[in-house]
Structure formats: C-alpha cells, structure tokens
Amino acid sequence: MRLVLMGTGTFAEPAFQALLAGPHTVACLVTQPERKKGSERGSTRQIGVGMGVLALRAGVPIWKPESINTPEAVAQLGSYQADLLVVAAYGQILKPAALATTRLGGINLHASLLPRHRGAAPVAWAIMAGDKVTGVSVLRMTPQLDAGDLVGVVTTPIDPAETAGDLEFRLAAIAAQMGVEVVDAMTAGPVAGEVQDSALVTRAPKLNKEMGDLDWRQPADTLALLVRGLQPWPTAFTHWVRPGEGKPPIRLQITRVRSLPDEVHHAQPGDLLSPPDDLSCLRVATGAGILEILSVQPAGKAVMDSAAFLRGRRYVLGDKLERVG
C-alpha cells in the first residue's frame, strides 16, 4: 500500500512511527507549517517540528501546505499517486477534491468513541463531560467533520485521576496499533464500515484560554472535571483575592484537585475555608461541595504543591478565589 500520512502533534506521532516502520510505502508526510503558537497554546513551541524529525529519520519527504484544499495543493497531493491517506489530528478538513486524489480515499484516527465528541478536542471534552469510557475510532473520511463510516473502534476506561494529557498519551498508543491493523486489512481487500448514528452526535470544539477561568458557583465535581480536561492546556486558573490588602490579586493556575461533593459548608462560592492544620491543600467552597486544590502554579513560577505555596502565602480569614476582569 502506498500511503500519504497527514497529521500533527503527539497524538499522531506514534501511529506515523508505526506505519513508517512497517511494510507499506510512505510517499510523503504532510503536516502544518511551523508557526508560533503562544496565542493559541500558551507557549512558543512550534508545531510541525516533531513530524519533521520523523520524516527525516525515515527518509520521507515532508510537506507543509498552508491549505490542503487549494488547486495547487490538490495537484501536488495527487502527484504522490498514493492508495490511501492516513490522517490523525491534521487540523484541516479535506474537501472532496483532496480526498479523490487517492485510490481508496482516506482514513482518520480520532481520539473518541464516535459519534461522540466530533471535533478538534475530543480528549478534553470526554473528561469534562464526565465520560467513564472513551477510545479511538478509525473512520473513512468524508468532507463532513468526523462523520464517515467507522472501520475500527477500541474502547478504554478513563481513570478518575487522568488529565487530558495523560489520556491522550494512552490513546495515541492505541491509535498506533489500530492504524497499522486497518491499513493492513485494507491492503488485503475491502473493509466493512458502520454508519454513525447521527442522533448520538456531540461536539468537541477547540479549547481556548477563557474556558479555564473557574466559576466557583459550579459544583465541585464539575470543577474537578474541568481542571483535568484542561490540563496541560489551556489549564484552569483563578485569582486569590485578599480584601483590603491593596495589592493586585494573585493569579493561580490550578493543576491538581480533589472533589469532595458531599462536604457541607455555609460559605459563599469561592471562599477559602480554613485549611487543615498541616496546610496540605487549599479548601474552596463551591456551588455544591468543597474542592481541595492540591497543586498550583503561581504566575511566573513553577508548579508546586499547595503546601509549598501556603508556606509563602498564609491563609487569612476573608480570603477568596474569584474571577477577575
């Protein structure tokens, strides 16, 4: 089978490594152009670099078009005379002309149990939705977002402590095995597909930084899911306010928490409750229950456990966590 691989980032890399090491011919590896991502991903890391290393090691051409759907890009895609496109987290929807450049069209490796969580951020949304199970779906590509027939599905439980980063790492390994198996099967002959149930569709749109601003009126369980789903990016955050102090609030990224949904309090949401004697965590009143903050990252500093933070910022009666601005 002659393949063109299309994708970016840590979810795609294991699958592409496996296919590059296999018996199939990879004509080209297509990824996004390198660009600064500080405004979108909270860092200045450049995308496309990891894929470039994979291509260089395998001796495969790498191509980074701004748009895969221009007439020029479609013509170049067709010039590879591939049998199949294998796509994972590519970041662009392929239009019919691009999909028609190969004998068998394309398959997409998607990090959810489709039709649930169609879109750019399925891992984060699965956690934030409180799903107990997720997985990887392999689907035939159509011009509609994540809507094609399913040709492979593997499920896995979501651990109650897993962050989106942890879970994506596991799903990437599953996707690598599935990608090889489906490509091998398609080499042998036609592969049956299962039509997705449109009544079960949910969406998983792109994440943004504003999503991380914690609303303490929400229940503790909901906030805990949000913290896990937004880790490592864009990360949940809040501001520590000390009334009458005369100083700006302290911005804290919240990196690890524990929900106590059945704990009763009589405080206002966001109020800091008296911490335990060992100062091991921050206890915050929520709309239902208490959220214990176990680790934080103050602005300009490294991640630290709450005990270390509290040694430098003692709790004072009346302190609270709020949205600011």
C-alpha atoms as a PDB file:
ATOM      1  CA  MET A   1       0.000   0.000   0.000  1.00  0.00           C
ATOM      2  CA  ARG A   2       1.289   3.447  -0.913  1.00  0.00           C
ATOM      3  CA  LEU A   3       0.397   5.977   1.799  1.00  0.00           C
ATOM      4  CA  VAL A   4       0.379   9.694   2.468  1.00  0.00           C
ATOM      5  CA  LEU A   5       0.409  10.483   6.203  1.00  0.00           C
ATOM      6  CA  MET A   6      -1.215  13.726   7.382  1.00  0.00           C
ATOM      7  CA  GLY A   7      -1.127  14.968  10.963  1.00  0.00           C
ATOM      8  CA  THR A   8       0.414  16.969  13.773  1.00  0.00           C
ATOM      9  CA  GLY A   9       1.379  16.599  17.383  1.00  0.00           C
ATOM     10  CA  THR A  10       1.799  13.909  19.973  1.00  0.00           C
ATOM     11  CA  PHE A  11      -1.393  12.009  19.136  1.00  0.00           C
ATOM     12  CA  ALA A  12      -0.326  11.380  15.530  1.00  0.00           C
ATOM     13  CA  GLU A  13       3.352  10.631  16.094  1.00  0.00           C
ATOM     14  CA  PRO A  14       3.130   7.031  17.442  1.00  0.00           C
ATOM     15  CA  ALA A  15       0.813   5.961  14.610  1.00  0.00           C
ATOM     16  CA  PHE A  16       3.040   7.512  11.993  1.00  0.00           C
ATOM     17  CA  GLN A  17       6.142   5.947  13.550  1.00  0.00           C
ATOM     18  CA  ALA A  18       4.470   2.530  13.350  1.00  0.00           C
ATOM     19  CA  LEU A  19       3.431   2.986   9.721  1.00  0.00           C
ATOM     20  CA  LEU A  20       6.845   4.320   8.706  1.00  0.00           C
ATOM     21  CA  ALA A  21       8.424   1.218  10.255  1.00  0.00           C
ATOM     22  CA  GLY A  22       6.030  -1.176   8.504  1.00  0.00           C
ATOM     23  CA  PRO A  23       5.907  -2.777   5.067  1.00  0.00           C
ATOM     24  CA  HIS A  24       3.929  -0.022   3.367  1.00  0.00           C
ATOM     25  CA  THR A  25       5.466   2.753   1.270  1.00  0.00           C
ATOM     26  CA  VAL A  26       5.024   6.266   2.646  1.00  0.00           C
ATOM     27  CA  ALA A  27       5.171   8.717  -0.249  1.00  0.00           C
ATOM     28  CA  CYS A  28       5.002  11.869   1.887  1.00  0.00           C
ATOM     29  CA  LEU A  29       4.330  13.116   5.400  1.00  0.00           C
ATOM     30  CA  VAL A  30       2.063  16.175   5.394  1.00  0.00           C
ATOM     31  CA  THR A  31       1.867  18.427   8.439  1.00  0.00           C
ATOM     32  CA  GLN A  32       1.047  22.003   9.387  1.00  0.00           C
ATOM     33  CA  PRO A  33       3.509  24.828   8.696  1.00  0.00           C
ATOM     34  CA  GLU A  34       5.729  25.748  11.607  1.00  0.00           C
ATOM     35  CA  ARG A  35       4.279  28.759  13.369  1.00  0.00           C
ATOM     36  CA  LYS A  36       4.436  30.332  16.794  1.00  0.00           C
ATOM     37  CA  LYS A  37       1.636  29.079  18.999  1.00  0.00           C
ATOM     38  CA  GLY A  38       1.860  31.387  22.009  1.00  0.00           C
ATOM     39  CA  SER A  39      -1.538  32.981  21.408  1.00  0.00           C
ATOM     40  CA  GLU A  40      -3.338  29.661  20.989  1.00  0.00           C
ATOM     41  CA  ARG A  41      -1.489  27.059  23.003  1.00  0.00           C
ATOM     42  CA  GLY A  42       0.124  29.017  25.817  1.00  0.00           C
ATOM     43  CA  SER A  43       3.712  28.570  24.625  1.00  0.00           C
ATOM     44  CA  THR A  44       6.020  29.475  21.773  1.00  0.00           C
ATOM     45  CA  ARG A  45       6.545  25.848  20.795  1.00  0.00           C
ATOM     46  CA  GLN A  46       6.482  25.401  17.033  1.00  0.00           C
ATOM     47  CA  ILE A  47       4.260  22.751  15.519  1.00  0.00           C
ATOM     48  CA  GLY A  48       5.482  20.641  12.657  1.00  0.00           C
ATOM     49  CA  VAL A  49       8.915  20.098  14.195  1.00  0.00           C
ATOM     50  CA  GLY A  50       8.183  16.604  15.572  1.00  0.00           C
ATOM     51  CA  MET A  51       6.835  15.453  12.232  1.00  0.00           C
ATOM     52  CA  GLY A  52       9.910  16.846  10.529  1.00  0.00           C
ATOM     53  CA  VAL A  53      12.126  14.670  12.698  1.00  0.00           C
ATOM     54  CA  LEU A  54      10.042  11.583  11.878  1.00  0.00           C
ATOM     55  CA  ALA A  55      10.261  12.280   8.157  1.00  0.00           C
ATOM     56  CA  LEU A  56      13.996  12.961   8.265  1.00  0.00           C
ATOM     57  CA  ARG A  57      14.745   9.737  10.118  1.00  0.00           C
ATOM     58  CA  ALA A  58      12.629   7.719   7.695  1.00  0.00           C
ATOM     59  CA  GLY A  59      13.966   9.451   4.601  1.00  0.00           C
ATOM     60  CA  VAL A  60      10.451  10.522   3.611  1.00  0.00           C
ATOM     61  CA  PRO A  61       9.586  13.896   2.027  1.00  0.00           C
ATOM     62  CA  ILE A  62       7.744  16.320   4.304  1.00  0.00           C
ATOM     63  CA  TRP A  63       5.269  18.900   3.033  1.00  0.00           C
ATOM     64  CA  LYS A  64       3.698  21.773   4.998  1.00  0.00           C
ATOM     65  CA  PRO A  65       0.995  23.471   2.917  1.00  0.00           C
ATOM     66  CA  GLU A  66      -0.920  26.434   4.352  1.00  0.00           C
ATOM     67  CA  SER A  67      -4.109  24.919   2.906  1.00  0.00           C
ATOM     68  CA  ILE A  68      -4.525  21.395   1.593  1.00  0.00           C
ATOM     69  CA  ASN A  69      -7.566  22.347  -0.491  1.00  0.00           C
ATOM     70  CA  THR A  70      -6.129  24.856  -2.977  1.00  0.00           C
ATOM     71  CA  PRO A  71      -5.887  23.658  -6.594  1.00  0.00           C
ATOM     72  CA  GLU A  72      -2.100  23.685  -6.317  1.00  0.00           C
ATOM     73  CA  ALA A  73      -2.111  21.610  -3.128  1.00  0.00           C
ATOM     74  CA  VAL A  74      -4.609  19.122  -4.550  1.00  0.00           C
ATOM     75  CA  ALA A  75      -2.430  18.711  -7.636  1.00  0.00           C
ATOM     76  CA  GLN A  76       0.646  18.042  -5.515  1.00  0.00           C
ATOM     77  CA  LEU A  77      -1.277  15.576  -3.343  1.00  0.00           C
ATOM     78  CA  GLY A  78      -2.323  13.733  -6.489  1.00  0.00           C
ATOM     79  CA  SER A  79       1.249  13.643  -7.742  1.00  0.00           C
ATOM     80  CA  TYR A  80       2.168  11.180  -4.988  1.00  0.00           C
ATOM     81  CA  GLN A  81      -0.123   8.577  -6.622  1.00  0.00           C
ATOM     82  CA  ALA A  82      -0.994   7.139  -3.222  1.00  0.00           C
ATOM     83  CA  ASP A  83      -3.528   4.447  -2.471  1.00  0.00           C
ATOM     84  CA  LEU A  84      -4.637   5.878   0.869  1.00  0.00           C
ATOM     85  CA  LEU A  85      -4.436   8.973   3.070  1.00  0.00           C
ATOM     86  CA  VAL A  86      -3.916   8.249   6.787  1.00  0.00           C
ATOM     87  CA  VAL A  87      -4.893  11.289   8.849  1.00  0.00           C
ATOM     88  CA  ALA A  88      -4.512  11.992  12.580  1.00  0.00           C
ATOM     89  CA  ALA A  89      -5.080  15.392  14.207  1.00  0.00           C
ATOM     90  CA  TYR A  90      -4.227  17.180  10.965  1.00  0.00           C
ATOM     91  CA  GLY A  91      -6.214  20.323  11.729  1.00  0.00           C
ATOM     92  CA  GLN A  92      -7.778  20.854   8.287  1.00  0.00           C
ATOM     93  CA  ILE A  93     -10.921  19.344   6.782  1.00  0.00           C
ATOM     94  CA  LEU A  94     -10.173  17.751   3.411  1.00  0.00           C
ATOM     95  CA  LYS A  95     -12.626  18.679   0.661  1.00  0.00           C
ATOM     96  CA  PRO A  96     -13.797  16.172  -1.977  1.00  0.00           C
ATOM     97  CA  ALA A  97     -11.059  17.068  -4.469  1.00  0.00           C
ATOM     98  CA  ALA A  98      -8.322  16.322  -1.931  1.00  0.00           C
ATOM     99  CA  LEU A  99      -9.938  13.046  -0.866  1.00  0.00           C
ATOM    100  CA  ALA A 100     -10.265  11.998  -4.511  1.00  0.00           C
ATOM    101  CA  THR A 101      -6.501  12.106  -5.106  1.00  0.00           C
ATOM    102  CA  THR A 102      -6.007   8.545  -3.814  1.00  0.00           C
ATOM    103  CA  ARG A 103      -7.421   5.201  -4.894  1.00  0.00           C
ATOM    104  CA  LEU A 104      -9.089   4.460  -1.549  1.00  0.00           C
ATOM    105  CA  GLY A 105      -9.671   7.953  -0.180  1.00  0.00           C
ATOM    106  CA  GLY A 106      -8.628   8.470   3.419  1.00  0.00           C
ATOM    107  CA  ILE A 107      -8.992   7.139   6.940  1.00  0.00           C
ATOM    108  CA  ASN A 108      -8.869   9.263  10.073  1.00  0.00           C
ATOM    109  CA  LEU A 109      -7.661   8.217  13.537  1.00  0.00           C
ATOM    110  CA  HIS A 110      -9.877  10.035  16.050  1.00  0.00           C
ATOM    111  CA  ALA A 111      -9.466  10.066  19.841  1.00  0.00           C
ATOM    112  CA  SER A 112     -13.059   9.400  20.901  1.00  0.00           C
ATOM    113  CA  LEU A 113     -15.872   6.907  20.513  1.00  0.00           C
ATOM    114  CA  LEU A 114     -17.614   8.455  17.533  1.00  0.00           C
ATOM    115  CA  PRO A 115     -20.167   9.852  17.018  1.00  0.00           C
ATOM    116  CA  ARG A 116     -19.475  11.226  20.490  1.00  0.00           C
ATOM    117  CA  HIS A 117     -17.068  14.185  20.608  1.00  0.00           C
ATOM    118  CA  ARG A 118     -16.652  15.090  16.961  1.00  0.00           C
ATOM    119  CA  GLY A 119     -14.165  17.922  16.615  1.00  0.00           C
ATOM    120  CA  ALA A 120     -10.723  19.244  17.472  1.00  0.00           C
ATOM    121  CA  ALA A 121     -10.502  18.449  21.207  1.00  0.00           C
ATOM    122  CA  PRO A 122     -12.188  15.081  21.854  1.00  0.00           C
ATOM    123  CA  VAL A 123      -9.927  14.010  24.723  1.00  0.00           C
ATOM    124  CA  ALA A 124     -10.527  17.133  26.799  1.00  0.00           C
ATOM    125  CA  TRP A 125     -14.269  17.117  26.164  1.00  0.00           C
ATOM    126  CA  ALA A 126     -14.610  13.446  27.104  1.00  0.00           C
ATOM    127  CA  ILE A 127     -13.098  14.204  30.504  1.00  0.00           C
ATOM    128  CA  MET A 128     -15.043  17.436  31.022  1.00  0.00           C
ATOM    129  CA  ALA A 129     -18.279  15.619  30.141  1.00  0.00           C
ATOM    130  CA  GLY A 130     -17.594  13.078  32.881  1.00  0.00           C
ATOM    131  CA  ASP A 131     -17.397  10.136  30.473  1.00  0.00           C
ATOM    132  CA  LYS A 132     -16.320   6.896  32.131  1.00  0.00           C
ATOM    133  CA  VAL A 133     -15.190   5.275  28.875  1.00  0.00           C
ATOM    134  CA  THR A 134     -13.546   6.616  25.740  1.00  0.00           C
ATOM    135  CA  GLY A 135     -11.431   5.153  22.964  1.00  0.00           C
ATOM    136  CA  VAL A 136     -10.158   5.533  19.429  1.00  0.00           C
ATOM    137  CA  SER A 137     -12.255   5.423  16.276  1.00  0.00           C
ATOM    138  CA  VAL A 138     -10.937   4.832  12.767  1.00  0.00           C
ATOM    139  CA  LEU A 139     -13.295   6.202  10.134  1.00  0.00           C
ATOM    140  CA  ARG A 140     -13.462   6.629   6.402  1.00  0.00           C
ATOM    141  CA  MET A 141     -13.038  10.290   5.600  1.00  0.00           C
ATOM    142  CA  THR A 142     -15.793  12.441   4.134  1.00  0.00           C
ATOM    143  CA  PRO A 143     -15.935  16.224   3.662  1.00  0.00           C
ATOM    144  CA  GLN A 144     -18.093  16.414   6.811  1.00  0.00           C
ATOM    145  CA  LEU A 145     -16.285  16.675  10.151  1.00  0.00           C
ATOM    146  CA  ASP A 146     -15.641  13.213  11.657  1.00  0.00           C
ATOM    147  CA  ALA A 147     -18.807  11.857  10.035  1.00  0.00           C
ATOM    148  CA  GLY A 148     -17.614   8.894   7.952  1.00  0.00           C
ATOM    149  CA  ASP A 149     -18.316   5.202   8.432  1.00  0.00           C
ATOM    150  CA  LEU A 150     -16.417   3.524  11.272  1.00  0.00           C
ATOM    151  CA  VAL A 151     -13.957   0.816  10.252  1.00  0.00           C
ATOM    152  CA  GLY A 152     -12.427   0.251  13.686  1.00  0.00           C
ATOM    153  CA  VAL A 153     -13.230   1.112  17.316  1.00  0.00           C
ATOM    154  CA  VAL A 154     -11.335   0.315  20.525  1.00  0.00           C
ATOM    155  CA  THR A 155     -12.632   1.344  23.959  1.00  0.00           C
ATOM    156  CA  THR A 156     -10.751   2.086  27.167  1.00  0.00           C
ATOM    157  CA  PRO A 157     -11.871   3.290  30.617  1.00  0.00           C
ATOM    158  CA  ILE A 158     -10.985   6.789  31.770  1.00  0.00           C
ATOM    159  CA  ASP A 159      -9.135   6.719  35.074  1.00  0.00           C
ATOM    160  CA  PRO A 160     -10.717   9.123  37.612  1.00  0.00           C
ATOM    161  CA  ALA A 161      -7.377  10.903  38.073  1.00  0.00           C
ATOM    162  CA  GLU A 162      -6.336  11.130  34.404  1.00  0.00           C
ATOM    163  CA  THR A 163      -5.747  14.509  32.827  1.00  0.00           C
ATOM    164  CA  ALA A 164      -6.291  15.161  29.144  1.00  0.00           C
ATOM    165  CA  GLY A 165      -2.541  14.899  28.630  1.00  0.00           C
ATOM    166  CA  ASP A 166      -2.359  11.535  30.387  1.00  0.00           C
ATOM    167  CA  LEU A 167      -5.303  10.157  28.438  1.00  0.00           C
ATOM    168  CA  GLU A 168      -4.096  11.414  25.054  1.00  0.00           C
ATOM    169  CA  PHE A 169      -0.779   9.629  25.625  1.00  0.00           C
ATOM    170  CA  ARG A 170      -2.627   6.328  26.157  1.00  0.00           C
ATOM    171  CA  LEU A 171      -4.976   6.861  23.238  1.00  0.00           C
ATOM    172  CA  ALA A 172      -2.058   7.636  20.926  1.00  0.00           C
ATOM    173  CA  ALA A 173      -0.616   4.181  21.628  1.00  0.00           C
ATOM    174  CA  ILE A 174      -3.993   2.584  20.888  1.00  0.00           C
ATOM    175  CA  ALA A 175      -4.298   4.593  17.675  1.00  0.00           C
ATOM    176  CA  ALA A 176      -0.861   3.430  16.544  1.00  0.00           C
ATOM    177  CA  GLN A 177      -1.870  -0.223  16.742  1.00  0.00           C
ATOM    178  CA  MET A 178      -5.261   0.418  15.148  1.00  0.00           C
ATOM    179  CA  GLY A 179      -3.769   2.394  12.272  1.00  0.00           C
ATOM    180  CA  VAL A 180      -1.476  -0.464  11.332  1.00  0.00           C
ATOM    181  CA  GLU A 181      -4.254  -3.052  11.639  1.00  0.00           C
ATOM    182  CA  VAL A 182      -6.726  -1.110   9.487  1.00  0.00           C
ATOM    183  CA  VAL A 183      -4.171  -0.311   6.777  1.00  0.00           C
ATOM    184  CA  ASP A 184      -3.129  -3.978   6.687  1.00  0.00           C
ATOM    185  CA  ALA A 185      -6.772  -5.032   6.407  1.00  0.00           C
ATOM    186  CA  MET A 186      -7.446  -2.570   3.590  1.00  0.00           C
ATOM    187  CA  THR A 187      -4.402  -3.903   1.767  1.00  0.00           C
ATOM    188  CA  ALA A 188      -5.933  -7.383   1.861  1.00  0.00           C
ATOM    189  CA  GLY A 189      -9.313  -6.295   0.497  1.00  0.00           C
ATOM    190  CA  PRO A 190     -12.499  -4.288   1.149  1.00  0.00           C
ATOM    191  CA  VAL A 191     -13.223  -3.436   4.799  1.00  0.00           C
ATOM    192  CA  ALA A 192     -16.803  -3.120   6.015  1.00  0.00           C
ATOM    193  CA  GLY A 193     -17.830   0.091   7.760  1.00  0.00           C
ATOM    194  CA  GLU A 194     -20.534   1.019  10.264  1.00  0.00           C
ATOM    195  CA  VAL A 195     -22.652   4.119   9.731  1.00  0.00           C
ATOM    196  CA  GLN A 196     -22.553   6.558  12.652  1.00  0.00           C
ATOM    197  CA  ASP A 197     -25.813   7.249  14.489  1.00  0.00           C
ATOM    198  CA  SER A 198     -26.487  10.948  13.906  1.00  0.00           C
ATOM    199  CA  ALA A 199     -28.776  11.065  16.950  1.00  0.00           C
ATOM    200  CA  LEU A 200     -25.783  10.433  19.224  1.00  0.00           C
ATOM    201  CA  VAL A 201     -23.512  13.186  17.890  1.00  0.00           C
ATOM    202  CA  THR A 202     -21.838  15.522  20.385  1.00  0.00           C
ATOM    203  CA  ARG A 203     -19.272  18.212  19.612  1.00  0.00           C
ATOM    204  CA  ALA A 204     -15.722  18.788  20.840  1.00  0.00           C
ATOM    205  CA  PRO A 205     -14.718  22.247  19.602  1.00  0.00           C
ATOM    206  CA  LYS A 206     -11.317  23.850  20.018  1.00  0.00           C
ATOM    207  CA  LEU A 207     -10.273  24.863  23.513  1.00  0.00           C
ATOM    208  CA  ASN A 208      -9.441  28.431  24.491  1.00  0.00           C
ATOM    209  CA  LYS A 209      -7.837  30.102  27.482  1.00  0.00           C
ATOM    210  CA  GLU A 210     -11.068  31.684  28.713  1.00  0.00           C
ATOM    211  CA  MET A 211     -12.509  28.230  29.387  1.00  0.00           C
ATOM    212  CA  GLY A 212     -10.041  27.831  32.249  1.00  0.00           C
ATOM    213  CA  ASP A 213     -11.412  30.705  34.375  1.00  0.00           C
ATOM    214  CA  LEU A 214     -13.088  28.735  37.155  1.00  0.00           C
ATOM    215  CA  ASP A 215     -16.633  29.674  38.138  1.00  0.00           C
ATOM    216  CA  TRP A 216     -16.867  28.691  41.788  1.00  0.00           C
ATOM    217  CA  ARG A 217     -20.673  28.639  41.621  1.00  0.00           C
ATOM    218  CA  GLN A 218     -20.333  25.335  39.773  1.00  0.00           C
ATOM    219  CA  PRO A 219     -20.380  22.048  41.746  1.00  0.00           C
ATOM    220  CA  ALA A 220     -17.067  20.668  42.978  1.00  0.00           C
ATOM    221  CA  ASP A 221     -17.363  17.626  40.704  1.00  0.00           C
ATOM    222  CA  THR A 222     -17.853  19.813  37.614  1.00  0.00           C
ATOM    223  CA  LEU A 223     -14.849  21.961  38.510  1.00  0.00           C
ATOM    224  CA  ALA A 224     -12.659  18.903  39.074  1.00  0.00           C
ATOM    225  CA  LEU A 225     -13.544  17.569  35.620  1.00  0.00           C
ATOM    226  CA  LEU A 226     -12.725  20.944  34.090  1.00  0.00           C
ATOM    227  CA  VAL A 227      -9.306  21.049  35.779  1.00  0.00           C
ATOM    228  CA  ARG A 228      -8.443  17.575  34.468  1.00  0.00           C
ATOM    229  CA  GLY A 229      -9.789  18.234  30.984  1.00  0.00           C
ATOM    230  CA  LEU A 230      -7.832  21.474  30.551  1.00  0.00           C
ATOM    231  CA  GLN A 231      -4.516  20.022  31.704  1.00  0.00           C
ATOM    232  CA  PRO A 232      -1.898  20.520  30.258  1.00  0.00           C
ATOM    233  CA  TRP A 233      -3.501  23.249  28.071  1.00  0.00           C
ATOM    234  CA  PRO A 234      -5.037  25.756  28.455  1.00  0.00           C
ATOM    235  CA  THR A 235      -5.064  24.967  32.208  1.00  0.00           C
ATOM    236  CA  ALA A 236      -7.674  26.004  34.755  1.00  0.00           C
ATOM    237  CA  PHE A 237      -6.969  29.189  36.688  1.00  0.00           C
ATOM    238  CA  THR A 238      -8.355  31.563  39.294  1.00  0.00           C
ATOM    239  CA  HIS A 239      -7.341  34.664  41.282  1.00  0.00           C
ATOM    240  CA  TRP A 240      -6.636  34.813  45.015  1.00  0.00           C
ATOM    241  CA  VAL A 241      -8.236  37.992  46.363  1.00  0.00           C
ATOM    242  CA  ARG A 242      -7.496  39.441  49.808  1.00  0.00           C
ATOM    243  CA  PRO A 243      -9.980  42.253  50.528  1.00  0.00           C
ATOM    244  CA  GLY A 244      -8.351  45.407  51.874  1.00  0.00           C
ATOM    245  CA  GLU A 245      -4.805  44.286  51.087  1.00  0.00           C
ATOM    246  CA  GLY A 246      -4.310  46.957  48.454  1.00  0.00           C
ATOM    247  CA  LYS A 247      -2.422  44.620  46.136  1.00  0.00           C
ATOM    248  CA  PRO A 248      -3.455  43.030  42.834  1.00  0.00           C
ATOM    249  CA  PRO A 249      -4.991  39.552  43.073  1.00  0.00           C
ATOM    250  CA  ILE A 250      -2.613  36.622  42.674  1.00  0.00           C
ATOM    251  CA  ARG A 251      -3.251  34.591  39.524  1.00  0.00           C
ATOM    252  CA  LEU A 252      -3.021  30.849  40.115  1.00  0.00           C
ATOM    253  CA  GLN A 253      -3.120  28.054  37.581  1.00  0.00           C
ATOM    254  CA  ILE A 254      -4.836  25.053  39.148  1.00  0.00           C
ATOM    255  CA  THR A 255      -3.116  21.822  38.148  1.00  0.00           C
ATOM    256  CA  ARG A 256      -4.402  19.125  40.526  1.00  0.00           C
ATOM    257  CA  VAL A 257      -7.531  18.940  42.670  1.00  0.00           C
ATOM    258  CA  ARG A 258      -9.758  16.596  44.643  1.00  0.00           C
ATOM    259  CA  SER A 259     -13.536  16.923  44.760  1.00  0.00           C
ATOM    260  CA  LEU A 260     -15.471  16.483  48.000  1.00  0.00           C
ATOM    261  CA  PRO A 261     -19.023  16.726  46.645  1.00  0.00           C
ATOM    262  CA  ASP A 262     -20.765  15.662  49.841  1.00  0.00           C
ATOM    263  CA  GLU A 263     -18.948  18.083  52.158  1.00  0.00           C
ATOM    264  CA  VAL A 264     -21.377  20.654  53.554  1.00  0.00           C
ATOM    265  CA  HIS A 265     -20.326  24.278  54.024  1.00  0.00           C
ATOM    266  CA  HIS A 266     -22.111  27.541  54.752  1.00  0.00           C
ATOM    267  CA  ALA A 267     -19.773  29.834  52.836  1.00  0.00           C
ATOM    268  CA  GLN A 268     -20.115  31.661  49.546  1.00  0.00           C
ATOM    269  CA  PRO A 269     -18.724  30.035  46.391  1.00  0.00           C
ATOM    270  CA  GLY A 270     -15.041  30.886  46.081  1.00  0.00           C
ATOM    271  CA  ASP A 271     -14.495  31.467  49.788  1.00  0.00           C
ATOM    272  CA  LEU A 272     -11.308  29.908  51.097  1.00  0.00           C
ATOM    273  CA  LEU A 273     -12.154  27.672  54.003  1.00  0.00           C
ATOM    274  CA  SER A 274      -9.881  27.111  56.971  1.00  0.00           C
ATOM    275  CA  PRO A 275      -7.146  24.778  55.701  1.00  0.00           C
ATOM    276  CA  PRO A 276      -6.172  21.604  57.556  1.00  0.00           C
ATOM    277  CA  ASP A 277      -3.561  22.005  60.267  1.00  0.00           C
ATOM    278  CA  ASP A 278      -0.840  20.590  58.005  1.00  0.00           C
ATOM    279  CA  LEU A 279      -1.640  23.152  55.248  1.00  0.00           C
ATOM    280  CA  SER A 280      -1.561  20.323  52.715  1.00  0.00           C
ATOM    281  CA  CYS A 281      -4.197  21.846  50.439  1.00  0.00           C
ATOM    282  CA  LEU A 282      -6.445  24.787  49.717  1.00  0.00           C
ATOM    283  CA  ARG A 283     -10.101  24.139  50.517  1.00  0.00           C
ATOM    284  CA  VAL A 284     -12.561  26.147  48.463  1.00  0.00           C
ATOM    285  CA  ALA A 285     -16.319  26.459  48.807  1.00  0.00           C
ATOM    286  CA  THR A 286     -18.178  25.700  45.583  1.00  0.00           C
ATOM    287  CA  GLY A 287     -21.782  25.714  44.456  1.00  0.00           C
ATOM    288  CA  ALA A 288     -22.077  22.147  45.772  1.00  0.00           C
ATOM    289  CA  GLY A 289     -19.384  20.627  47.943  1.00  0.00           C
ATOM    290  CA  ILE A 290     -15.759  21.544  48.523  1.00  0.00           C
ATOM    291  CA  LEU A 291     -12.848  21.478  46.090  1.00  0.00           C
ATOM    292  CA  GLU A 292      -9.421  20.731  47.511  1.00  0.00           C
ATOM    293  CA  ILE A 293      -6.618  22.275  45.449  1.00  0.00           C
ATOM    294  CA  LEU A 294      -3.561  20.037  45.707  1.00  0.00           C
ATOM    295  CA  SER A 295      -1.105  21.823  43.388  1.00  0.00           C
ATOM    296  CA  VAL A 296      -0.880  25.236  41.769  1.00  0.00           C
ATOM    297  CA  GLN A 297       1.328  27.326  39.529  1.00  0.00           C
ATOM    298  CA  PRO A 298       1.563  30.993  40.544  1.00  0.00           C
ATOM    299  CA  ALA A 299       2.222  33.431  37.703  1.00  0.00           C
ATOM    300  CA  GLY A 300       5.885  33.340  36.703  1.00  0.00           C
ATOM    301  CA  LYS A 301       6.719  30.369  38.927  1.00  0.00           C
ATOM    302  CA  ALA A 302       6.949  26.597  38.677  1.00  0.00           C
ATOM    303  CA  VAL A 303       4.195  24.156  39.592  1.00  0.00           C
ATOM    304  CA  MET A 304       4.221  23.471  43.333  1.00  0.00           C
ATOM    305  CA  ASP A 305       2.071  21.574  45.763  1.00  0.00           C
ATOM    306  CA  SER A 306      -0.339  23.652  47.791  1.00  0.00           C
ATOM    307  CA  ALA A 307       1.630  23.061  50.981  1.00  0.00           C
ATOM    308  CA  ALA A 308       4.663  24.785  49.450  1.00  0.00           C
ATOM    309  CA  PHE A 309       2.511  27.649  48.191  1.00  0.00           C
ATOM    310  CA  LEU A 310       0.852  28.138  51.582  1.00  0.00           C
ATOM    311  CA  ARG A 311       4.200  28.408  53.305  1.00  0.00           C
ATOM    312  CA  GLY A 312       4.691  31.650  51.411  1.00  0.00           C
ATOM    313  CA  ARG A 313       1.078  32.806  51.338  1.00  0.00           C
ATOM    314  CA  ARG A 314      -0.670  32.198  54.634  1.00  0.00           C
ATOM    315  CA  TYR A 315      -4.432  31.933  54.675  1.00  0.00           C
ATOM    316  CA  VAL A 316      -6.240  34.925  56.202  1.00  0.00           C
ATOM    317  CA  LEU A 317      -9.919  34.931  57.140  1.00  0.00           C
ATOM    318  CA  GLY A 318     -11.846  36.527  54.290  1.00  0.00           C
ATOM    319  CA  ASP A 319      -9.516  35.370  51.507  1.00  0.00           C
ATOM    320  CA  LYS A 320     -11.343  34.092  48.456  1.00  0.00           C
ATOM    321  CA  LEU A 321     -10.870  32.904  44.894  1.00  0.00           C
ATOM    322  CA  GLU A 322     -12.624  34.884  42.172  1.00  0.00           C
ATOM    323  CA  ARG A 323     -12.907  35.623  38.500  1.00  0.00           C
ATOM    324  CA  VAL A 324     -11.177  38.932  37.777  1.00  0.00           C
ATOM    325  CA  GLY A 325     -11.790  41.151  34.764  1.00  0.00           C
END
